[in-house]
N, C-alpha and C. Protein backbone atom coordinates (compact mmCIF):
# COMPACT_ATOMS: atom_id res chain seq x y z
N MET A 1 -26.04 12.53 16.50
CA MET A 1 -26.90 12.24 15.37
C MET A 1 -27.08 10.73 15.24
N ASP A 2 -28.28 10.35 14.86
CA ASP A 2 -28.52 8.93 14.66
C ASP A 2 -28.08 8.51 13.25
N LYS A 3 -28.07 7.22 13.00
CA LYS A 3 -27.55 6.72 11.73
C LYS A 3 -28.39 7.15 10.53
N PHE A 4 -29.72 7.29 10.71
CA PHE A 4 -30.57 7.70 9.59
C PHE A 4 -30.27 9.14 9.17
N THR A 5 -30.04 10.00 10.15
CA THR A 5 -29.70 11.39 9.85
C THR A 5 -28.38 11.46 9.08
N ILE A 6 -27.42 10.68 9.53
CA ILE A 6 -26.12 10.65 8.84
C ILE A 6 -26.28 10.14 7.41
N ILE A 7 -27.09 9.11 7.24
CA ILE A 7 -27.33 8.56 5.89
C ILE A 7 -27.96 9.62 5.00
N PHE A 8 -28.94 10.35 5.51
CA PHE A 8 -29.59 11.39 4.70
C PHE A 8 -28.63 12.52 4.36
N TRP A 9 -27.79 12.92 5.30
CA TRP A 9 -26.81 13.98 5.03
C TRP A 9 -25.81 13.53 3.96
N VAL A 10 -25.31 12.32 4.09
CA VAL A 10 -24.34 11.80 3.11
C VAL A 10 -25.00 11.73 1.73
N ALA A 11 -26.22 11.21 1.68
CA ALA A 11 -26.93 11.12 0.39
C ALA A 11 -27.16 12.50 -0.21
N ALA A 12 -27.53 13.47 0.62
CA ALA A 12 -27.77 14.83 0.12
C ALA A 12 -26.50 15.44 -0.45
N VAL A 13 -25.39 15.27 0.26
CA VAL A 13 -24.12 15.83 -0.22
C VAL A 13 -23.69 15.16 -1.52
N LEU A 14 -23.81 13.83 -1.56
CA LEU A 14 -23.42 13.12 -2.78
C LEU A 14 -24.29 13.52 -3.98
N LEU A 15 -25.58 13.63 -3.77
CA LEU A 15 -26.47 14.04 -4.85
C LEU A 15 -26.22 15.49 -5.27
N PHE A 16 -25.87 16.33 -4.32
CA PHE A 16 -25.53 17.72 -4.64
C PHE A 16 -24.29 17.77 -5.52
N ILE A 17 -23.28 16.99 -5.16
CA ILE A 17 -22.05 16.95 -5.96
C ILE A 17 -22.34 16.40 -7.36
N LEU A 18 -23.15 15.36 -7.43
CA LEU A 18 -23.55 14.80 -8.72
C LEU A 18 -24.29 15.84 -9.57
N SER A 19 -25.17 16.60 -8.94
CA SER A 19 -25.89 17.65 -9.65
C SER A 19 -24.95 18.72 -10.18
N LEU A 20 -23.96 19.09 -9.38
CA LEU A 20 -22.98 20.08 -9.83
C LEU A 20 -22.21 19.59 -11.05
N ARG A 21 -21.89 18.31 -11.06
CA ARG A 21 -21.15 17.75 -12.20
C ARG A 21 -22.02 17.73 -13.46
N LYS A 22 -23.33 17.56 -13.29
CA LYS A 22 -24.24 17.49 -14.44
C LYS A 22 -24.50 18.87 -15.05
N GLY A 23 -24.62 19.88 -14.21
CA GLY A 23 -24.91 21.21 -14.73
C GLY A 23 -24.85 22.27 -13.66
N LYS A 24 -23.73 22.99 -13.61
CA LYS A 24 -23.53 24.01 -12.58
C LYS A 24 -24.56 25.13 -12.66
N ALA A 25 -24.92 25.54 -13.86
CA ALA A 25 -25.84 26.66 -14.03
C ALA A 25 -27.22 26.35 -13.43
N LYS A 26 -27.70 25.15 -13.68
CA LYS A 26 -29.01 24.76 -13.14
C LYS A 26 -28.97 24.68 -11.62
N VAL A 27 -27.89 24.15 -11.08
CA VAL A 27 -27.75 24.04 -9.63
C VAL A 27 -27.69 25.43 -9.00
N LYS A 28 -26.96 26.32 -9.63
CA LYS A 28 -26.85 27.69 -9.14
C LYS A 28 -28.22 28.37 -9.13
N GLN A 29 -28.99 28.17 -10.21
CA GLN A 29 -30.33 28.75 -10.30
C GLN A 29 -31.24 28.15 -9.22
N ALA A 30 -31.15 26.84 -9.03
CA ALA A 30 -31.97 26.17 -8.01
C ALA A 30 -31.61 26.66 -6.61
N MET A 31 -30.32 26.88 -6.36
CA MET A 31 -29.89 27.37 -5.05
C MET A 31 -30.41 28.79 -4.80
N LYS A 32 -30.43 29.62 -5.84
CA LYS A 32 -30.98 30.98 -5.70
C LYS A 32 -32.47 30.92 -5.39
N GLN A 33 -33.18 30.04 -6.09
CA GLN A 33 -34.62 29.89 -5.83
C GLN A 33 -34.86 29.38 -4.41
N SER A 34 -34.04 28.45 -3.97
CA SER A 34 -34.16 27.91 -2.62
C SER A 34 -33.93 28.99 -1.58
N ARG A 35 -32.91 29.81 -1.81
CA ARG A 35 -32.62 30.91 -0.89
C ARG A 35 -33.80 31.87 -0.80
N ASN A 36 -34.38 32.21 -1.95
CA ASN A 36 -35.53 33.12 -1.95
C ASN A 36 -36.74 32.52 -1.25
N MET A 37 -36.95 31.21 -1.47
CA MET A 37 -38.06 30.54 -0.79
C MET A 37 -37.83 30.54 0.72
N MET A 38 -36.60 30.30 1.13
CA MET A 38 -36.28 30.28 2.55
C MET A 38 -36.51 31.65 3.18
N LYS A 39 -36.12 32.69 2.45
CA LYS A 39 -36.36 34.05 2.94
C LYS A 39 -37.84 34.31 3.17
N SER A 40 -38.67 33.76 2.30
CA SER A 40 -40.11 34.02 2.41
C SER A 40 -40.77 33.22 3.53
N ILE A 41 -40.16 32.11 3.96
CA ILE A 41 -40.80 31.31 5.01
C ILE A 41 -40.11 31.40 6.37
N VAL A 42 -39.01 32.13 6.46
CA VAL A 42 -38.29 32.20 7.73
C VAL A 42 -39.17 32.82 8.83
N GLY A 43 -40.01 33.77 8.47
CA GLY A 43 -40.94 34.35 9.45
C GLY A 43 -41.92 33.32 9.96
N ASP A 44 -42.41 32.47 9.07
CA ASP A 44 -43.34 31.41 9.48
C ASP A 44 -42.66 30.42 10.42
N ILE A 45 -41.42 30.09 10.12
CA ILE A 45 -40.69 29.14 10.95
C ILE A 45 -40.48 29.71 12.36
N VAL A 46 -40.10 30.97 12.43
CA VAL A 46 -39.93 31.62 13.73
C VAL A 46 -41.27 31.65 14.47
N GLY A 47 -42.35 31.92 13.73
CA GLY A 47 -43.68 31.91 14.33
C GLY A 47 -44.05 30.55 14.88
N ILE A 48 -43.70 29.50 14.16
CA ILE A 48 -43.98 28.13 14.62
C ILE A 48 -43.24 27.85 15.92
N ILE A 49 -41.98 28.20 15.95
CA ILE A 49 -41.18 27.99 17.16
C ILE A 49 -41.78 28.75 18.33
N PHE A 50 -42.21 30.00 18.07
CA PHE A 50 -42.83 30.82 19.10
C PHE A 50 -44.14 30.19 19.58
N LEU A 51 -44.97 29.73 18.63
CA LEU A 51 -46.25 29.12 18.98
C LEU A 51 -46.06 27.87 19.83
N ILE A 52 -45.11 27.03 19.45
CA ILE A 52 -44.85 25.80 20.22
C ILE A 52 -44.36 26.16 21.62
N GLY A 53 -43.48 27.13 21.70
CA GLY A 53 -42.99 27.58 23.01
C GLY A 53 -44.12 28.12 23.86
N LEU A 54 -45.02 28.86 23.24
CA LEU A 54 -46.17 29.43 23.95
C LEU A 54 -47.08 28.33 24.47
N VAL A 55 -47.39 27.36 23.63
CA VAL A 55 -48.24 26.24 24.04
C VAL A 55 -47.60 25.49 25.19
N LEU A 56 -46.32 25.21 25.08
CA LEU A 56 -45.63 24.44 26.13
C LEU A 56 -45.42 25.26 27.40
N THR A 57 -45.49 26.58 27.30
CA THR A 57 -45.39 27.43 28.49
C THR A 57 -46.67 27.36 29.30
N PHE A 58 -47.81 27.40 28.62
CA PHE A 58 -49.09 27.40 29.31
C PHE A 58 -49.59 26.00 29.66
N ILE A 59 -49.09 25.00 28.99
CA ILE A 59 -49.48 23.62 29.29
C ILE A 59 -48.25 22.89 29.80
N PRO A 60 -48.16 22.68 31.11
CA PRO A 60 -46.97 22.02 31.65
C PRO A 60 -46.89 20.55 31.21
N PRO A 61 -45.66 20.02 31.10
CA PRO A 61 -45.48 18.62 30.69
C PRO A 61 -46.27 17.62 31.53
N SER A 62 -46.46 17.90 32.80
CA SER A 62 -47.22 16.98 33.64
C SER A 62 -48.68 16.90 33.19
N SER A 63 -49.23 18.02 32.74
CA SER A 63 -50.62 18.01 32.22
C SER A 63 -50.69 17.26 30.90
N ILE A 64 -49.70 17.46 30.06
CA ILE A 64 -49.66 16.75 28.78
C ILE A 64 -49.59 15.25 29.03
N GLU A 65 -48.71 14.86 29.95
CA GLU A 65 -48.55 13.44 30.24
C GLU A 65 -49.80 12.83 30.86
N SER A 66 -50.48 13.57 31.75
CA SER A 66 -51.67 13.00 32.38
C SER A 66 -52.84 12.92 31.40
N ALA A 67 -52.96 13.89 30.47
CA ALA A 67 -54.08 13.88 29.51
C ALA A 67 -53.81 12.99 28.31
N LEU A 68 -52.58 12.99 27.81
CA LEU A 68 -52.28 12.28 26.58
C LEU A 68 -51.24 11.18 26.74
N GLY A 69 -50.87 10.87 27.96
CA GLY A 69 -49.84 9.86 28.21
C GLY A 69 -50.32 8.44 28.03
N SER A 70 -49.41 7.51 28.20
CA SER A 70 -49.71 6.09 27.95
C SER A 70 -50.65 5.50 29.00
N SER A 71 -50.81 6.14 30.16
CA SER A 71 -51.72 5.60 31.17
C SER A 71 -53.18 5.87 30.81
N ASN A 72 -53.40 6.76 29.86
CA ASN A 72 -54.75 7.18 29.51
C ASN A 72 -54.95 7.18 28.00
N THR A 73 -54.48 6.15 27.31
CA THR A 73 -54.41 6.16 25.86
C THR A 73 -55.76 6.32 25.18
N LEU A 74 -56.77 5.57 25.60
CA LEU A 74 -58.07 5.63 24.94
C LEU A 74 -58.72 7.01 25.11
N TRP A 75 -58.78 7.49 26.34
CA TRP A 75 -59.37 8.79 26.61
C TRP A 75 -58.54 9.90 25.96
N GLY A 76 -57.23 9.81 26.05
CA GLY A 76 -56.35 10.80 25.43
C GLY A 76 -56.50 10.83 23.92
N SER A 77 -56.67 9.66 23.32
CA SER A 77 -56.84 9.59 21.87
C SER A 77 -58.16 10.23 21.46
N ALA A 78 -59.21 10.01 22.24
CA ALA A 78 -60.51 10.62 21.94
C ALA A 78 -60.43 12.14 22.02
N ILE A 79 -59.79 12.65 23.07
CA ILE A 79 -59.62 14.10 23.23
C ILE A 79 -58.80 14.65 22.08
N ALA A 80 -57.70 13.99 21.77
CA ALA A 80 -56.80 14.46 20.70
C ALA A 80 -57.49 14.42 19.34
N ALA A 81 -58.28 13.37 19.08
CA ALA A 81 -58.97 13.25 17.80
C ALA A 81 -60.02 14.34 17.63
N ILE A 82 -60.75 14.63 18.69
CA ILE A 82 -61.76 15.69 18.62
C ILE A 82 -61.09 17.05 18.45
N ALA A 83 -60.01 17.28 19.20
CA ALA A 83 -59.28 18.55 19.07
C ALA A 83 -58.71 18.70 17.67
N GLY A 84 -58.17 17.64 17.12
CA GLY A 84 -57.62 17.70 15.76
C GLY A 84 -58.69 17.93 14.71
N SER A 85 -59.88 17.39 14.95
CA SER A 85 -60.98 17.54 13.99
C SER A 85 -61.48 18.97 13.89
N VAL A 86 -61.46 19.69 15.00
CA VAL A 86 -62.01 21.05 15.01
C VAL A 86 -60.94 22.13 14.90
N THR A 87 -59.69 21.73 14.84
CA THR A 87 -58.60 22.69 14.77
C THR A 87 -58.23 22.94 13.31
N LEU A 88 -57.91 24.17 13.01
CA LEU A 88 -57.50 24.52 11.66
C LEU A 88 -56.14 25.20 11.73
N ILE A 89 -55.09 24.38 11.68
CA ILE A 89 -53.73 24.92 11.62
C ILE A 89 -53.01 24.19 10.50
N PRO A 90 -52.07 24.85 9.87
CA PRO A 90 -51.35 24.19 8.78
C PRO A 90 -50.54 22.99 9.28
N ALA A 91 -50.40 22.01 8.42
CA ALA A 91 -49.67 20.79 8.79
C ALA A 91 -48.22 21.09 9.16
N PHE A 92 -47.60 22.09 8.51
CA PHE A 92 -46.21 22.37 8.83
C PHE A 92 -46.05 22.96 10.22
N VAL A 93 -47.14 23.43 10.83
CA VAL A 93 -47.12 23.86 12.22
C VAL A 93 -47.43 22.66 13.12
N ALA A 94 -48.32 21.80 12.66
CA ALA A 94 -48.76 20.67 13.47
C ALA A 94 -47.66 19.65 13.72
N PHE A 95 -46.83 19.37 12.71
CA PHE A 95 -45.79 18.36 12.88
C PHE A 95 -44.83 18.70 14.01
N PRO A 96 -44.25 19.90 14.05
CA PRO A 96 -43.36 20.20 15.18
C PRO A 96 -44.11 20.26 16.51
N LEU A 97 -45.37 20.73 16.49
CA LEU A 97 -46.16 20.79 17.71
C LEU A 97 -46.37 19.40 18.27
N VAL A 98 -46.75 18.46 17.42
CA VAL A 98 -46.96 17.08 17.86
C VAL A 98 -45.65 16.47 18.36
N GLY A 99 -44.56 16.75 17.68
CA GLY A 99 -43.25 16.27 18.14
C GLY A 99 -42.94 16.78 19.54
N SER A 100 -43.23 18.04 19.79
CA SER A 100 -43.00 18.61 21.12
C SER A 100 -43.92 17.99 22.17
N LEU A 101 -45.16 17.72 21.79
CA LEU A 101 -46.07 17.06 22.73
C LEU A 101 -45.57 15.68 23.12
N VAL A 102 -45.07 14.92 22.14
CA VAL A 102 -44.54 13.59 22.40
C VAL A 102 -43.30 13.68 23.30
N GLN A 103 -42.44 14.65 23.03
CA GLN A 103 -41.25 14.83 23.86
C GLN A 103 -41.61 15.21 25.30
N ASN A 104 -42.78 15.80 25.49
CA ASN A 104 -43.21 16.22 26.82
C ASN A 104 -44.17 15.25 27.49
N GLY A 105 -44.24 14.02 26.97
CA GLY A 105 -44.98 12.99 27.68
C GLY A 105 -46.21 12.44 27.00
N ALA A 106 -46.63 13.00 25.87
CA ALA A 106 -47.80 12.46 25.18
C ALA A 106 -47.44 11.11 24.56
N SER A 107 -48.39 10.19 24.59
CA SER A 107 -48.21 8.89 23.96
C SER A 107 -48.33 9.04 22.45
N ILE A 108 -47.76 8.12 21.72
CA ILE A 108 -47.75 8.21 20.26
C ILE A 108 -49.16 8.05 19.68
N ILE A 109 -50.02 7.27 20.31
CA ILE A 109 -51.36 7.04 19.76
C ILE A 109 -52.21 8.32 19.80
N PRO A 110 -52.33 9.02 20.94
CA PRO A 110 -53.07 10.29 20.91
C PRO A 110 -52.42 11.33 20.00
N ALA A 111 -51.10 11.34 19.95
CA ALA A 111 -50.40 12.30 19.07
C ALA A 111 -50.74 12.01 17.61
N ALA A 112 -50.73 10.74 17.24
CA ALA A 112 -51.08 10.36 15.87
C ALA A 112 -52.55 10.66 15.59
N ALA A 113 -53.42 10.44 16.59
CA ALA A 113 -54.85 10.74 16.42
C ALA A 113 -55.04 12.24 16.17
N PHE A 114 -54.34 13.07 16.92
CA PHE A 114 -54.44 14.52 16.73
C PHE A 114 -53.96 14.91 15.34
N LEU A 115 -52.81 14.42 14.96
CA LEU A 115 -52.21 14.81 13.68
C LEU A 115 -53.03 14.31 12.49
N THR A 116 -53.49 13.09 12.54
CA THR A 116 -54.24 12.56 11.40
C THR A 116 -55.62 13.20 11.28
N THR A 117 -56.30 13.43 12.39
CA THR A 117 -57.60 14.10 12.28
C THR A 117 -57.42 15.55 11.86
N LEU A 118 -56.34 16.16 12.31
CA LEU A 118 -56.06 17.54 11.93
C LEU A 118 -55.92 17.69 10.42
N THR A 119 -55.26 16.73 9.80
CA THR A 119 -55.01 16.83 8.36
C THR A 119 -56.11 16.18 7.52
N MET A 120 -56.93 15.30 8.11
CA MET A 120 -57.91 14.56 7.31
C MET A 120 -59.36 15.00 7.53
N VAL A 121 -59.68 15.51 8.71
CA VAL A 121 -61.06 15.86 9.05
C VAL A 121 -61.19 17.38 9.08
N GLY A 122 -62.28 17.89 8.54
CA GLY A 122 -62.45 19.33 8.47
C GLY A 122 -63.78 19.81 9.01
N VAL A 123 -63.91 19.88 10.33
CA VAL A 123 -65.14 20.40 10.92
C VAL A 123 -65.28 21.89 10.60
N VAL A 124 -64.18 22.62 10.70
CA VAL A 124 -64.21 24.06 10.44
C VAL A 124 -64.50 24.35 8.98
N THR A 125 -63.98 23.53 8.10
CA THR A 125 -64.18 23.74 6.66
C THR A 125 -65.41 23.02 6.12
N PHE A 126 -66.18 22.39 7.00
CA PHE A 126 -67.36 21.63 6.57
C PHE A 126 -68.37 22.48 5.78
N PRO A 127 -68.70 23.69 6.23
CA PRO A 127 -69.67 24.48 5.45
C PRO A 127 -69.24 24.72 4.00
N LEU A 128 -67.96 25.00 3.80
CA LEU A 128 -67.46 25.20 2.44
C LEU A 128 -67.53 23.90 1.64
N GLU A 129 -67.12 22.82 2.26
CA GLU A 129 -67.15 21.52 1.59
C GLU A 129 -68.59 21.10 1.27
N LYS A 130 -69.49 21.39 2.18
CA LYS A 130 -70.91 21.08 1.98
C LYS A 130 -71.46 21.87 0.79
N ARG A 131 -71.11 23.13 0.72
CA ARG A 131 -71.60 23.97 -0.37
C ARG A 131 -71.06 23.51 -1.72
N GLU A 132 -69.80 23.14 -1.76
CA GLU A 132 -69.16 22.77 -3.02
C GLU A 132 -69.49 21.35 -3.48
N PHE A 133 -69.59 20.41 -2.52
CA PHE A 133 -69.74 19.00 -2.89
C PHE A 133 -71.06 18.36 -2.43
N GLY A 134 -71.80 19.06 -1.61
CA GLY A 134 -73.06 18.52 -1.11
C GLY A 134 -72.91 17.94 0.28
N THR A 135 -74.03 17.94 1.01
CA THR A 135 -74.02 17.50 2.40
C THR A 135 -73.64 16.03 2.55
N LYS A 136 -74.23 15.19 1.72
CA LYS A 136 -73.97 13.75 1.83
C LYS A 136 -72.49 13.44 1.63
N PHE A 137 -71.89 14.02 0.61
CA PHE A 137 -70.47 13.77 0.34
C PHE A 137 -69.60 14.31 1.47
N ALA A 138 -69.85 15.55 1.88
CA ALA A 138 -69.02 16.19 2.92
C ALA A 138 -69.11 15.42 4.23
N LEU A 139 -70.32 15.04 4.61
CA LEU A 139 -70.49 14.29 5.85
C LEU A 139 -69.84 12.91 5.75
N GLY A 140 -70.05 12.23 4.65
CA GLY A 140 -69.46 10.91 4.45
C GLY A 140 -67.94 10.95 4.45
N ARG A 141 -67.38 11.92 3.75
CA ARG A 141 -65.93 12.04 3.69
C ARG A 141 -65.34 12.32 5.07
N ASN A 142 -65.96 13.22 5.82
CA ASN A 142 -65.45 13.55 7.15
C ASN A 142 -65.58 12.38 8.12
N LEU A 143 -66.69 11.67 8.07
CA LEU A 143 -66.85 10.51 8.96
C LEU A 143 -65.86 9.40 8.62
N LEU A 144 -65.72 9.10 7.33
CA LEU A 144 -64.73 8.09 6.92
C LEU A 144 -63.31 8.52 7.28
N SER A 145 -63.03 9.80 7.11
CA SER A 145 -61.70 10.31 7.46
C SER A 145 -61.45 10.20 8.95
N PHE A 146 -62.47 10.47 9.76
CA PHE A 146 -62.32 10.37 11.21
C PHE A 146 -62.02 8.92 11.62
N VAL A 147 -62.77 7.99 11.08
CA VAL A 147 -62.55 6.56 11.38
C VAL A 147 -61.16 6.13 10.91
N ALA A 148 -60.80 6.54 9.69
CA ALA A 148 -59.48 6.19 9.15
C ALA A 148 -58.37 6.78 10.02
N ALA A 149 -58.56 7.99 10.49
CA ALA A 149 -57.55 8.63 11.34
C ALA A 149 -57.36 7.86 12.64
N LEU A 150 -58.46 7.40 13.22
CA LEU A 150 -58.36 6.61 14.46
C LEU A 150 -57.68 5.26 14.20
N LEU A 151 -57.99 4.66 13.07
CA LEU A 151 -57.32 3.40 12.71
C LEU A 151 -55.82 3.61 12.51
N ILE A 152 -55.46 4.70 11.85
CA ILE A 152 -54.04 5.01 11.65
C ILE A 152 -53.34 5.22 12.99
N ALA A 153 -54.00 5.94 13.90
CA ALA A 153 -53.41 6.17 15.23
C ALA A 153 -53.22 4.84 15.97
N ALA A 154 -54.22 3.97 15.91
CA ALA A 154 -54.09 2.67 16.56
C ALA A 154 -52.97 1.85 15.95
N LEU A 155 -52.87 1.90 14.63
CA LEU A 155 -51.81 1.18 13.93
C LEU A 155 -50.43 1.73 14.32
N MET A 156 -50.34 3.03 14.48
CA MET A 156 -49.07 3.64 14.92
C MET A 156 -48.68 3.10 16.30
N GLY A 157 -49.67 2.91 17.16
CA GLY A 157 -49.39 2.37 18.49
C GLY A 157 -48.89 0.93 18.43
N VAL A 158 -49.38 0.18 17.46
CA VAL A 158 -48.96 -1.22 17.31
C VAL A 158 -47.55 -1.27 16.73
N ILE A 159 -47.30 -0.43 15.72
CA ILE A 159 -46.00 -0.43 15.04
C ILE A 159 -44.90 0.12 15.94
N LEU A 160 -45.19 1.23 16.60
CA LEU A 160 -44.18 1.87 17.42
C LEU A 160 -44.39 1.47 18.86
């Protein structure tokens, strides 16, 4: 474990103990609610793991590295940004998927481009957004979000 993980674990345990000292009944109720919430999402988590495994089975790491690796950052970022813009998957599925792509050779810039466009740009949801907010607003928001997503991806490449 790295030092940040250890710090978070220590902080969580200390805050848990502090919470118990403040009010055992509330903590007990919160723990029951947490358990019930976990029961309701465990199927989704297993599905996410399965989906990531499936994607990585059909797309070998060498393909990921050649398409999204550091040798092809600009082209890989464009592909990832377009794919993220037209894909409709929940963010809680996208985060582990992007992590797996990076572990299998994708550069951080295309990975960030995919993730940010996925969460910020809505090509699939455009008709609904157009109907509710108007064409001008929907188009403007999506274009600005696309540009912002690319800037965020580039900034991630500079920072990391």
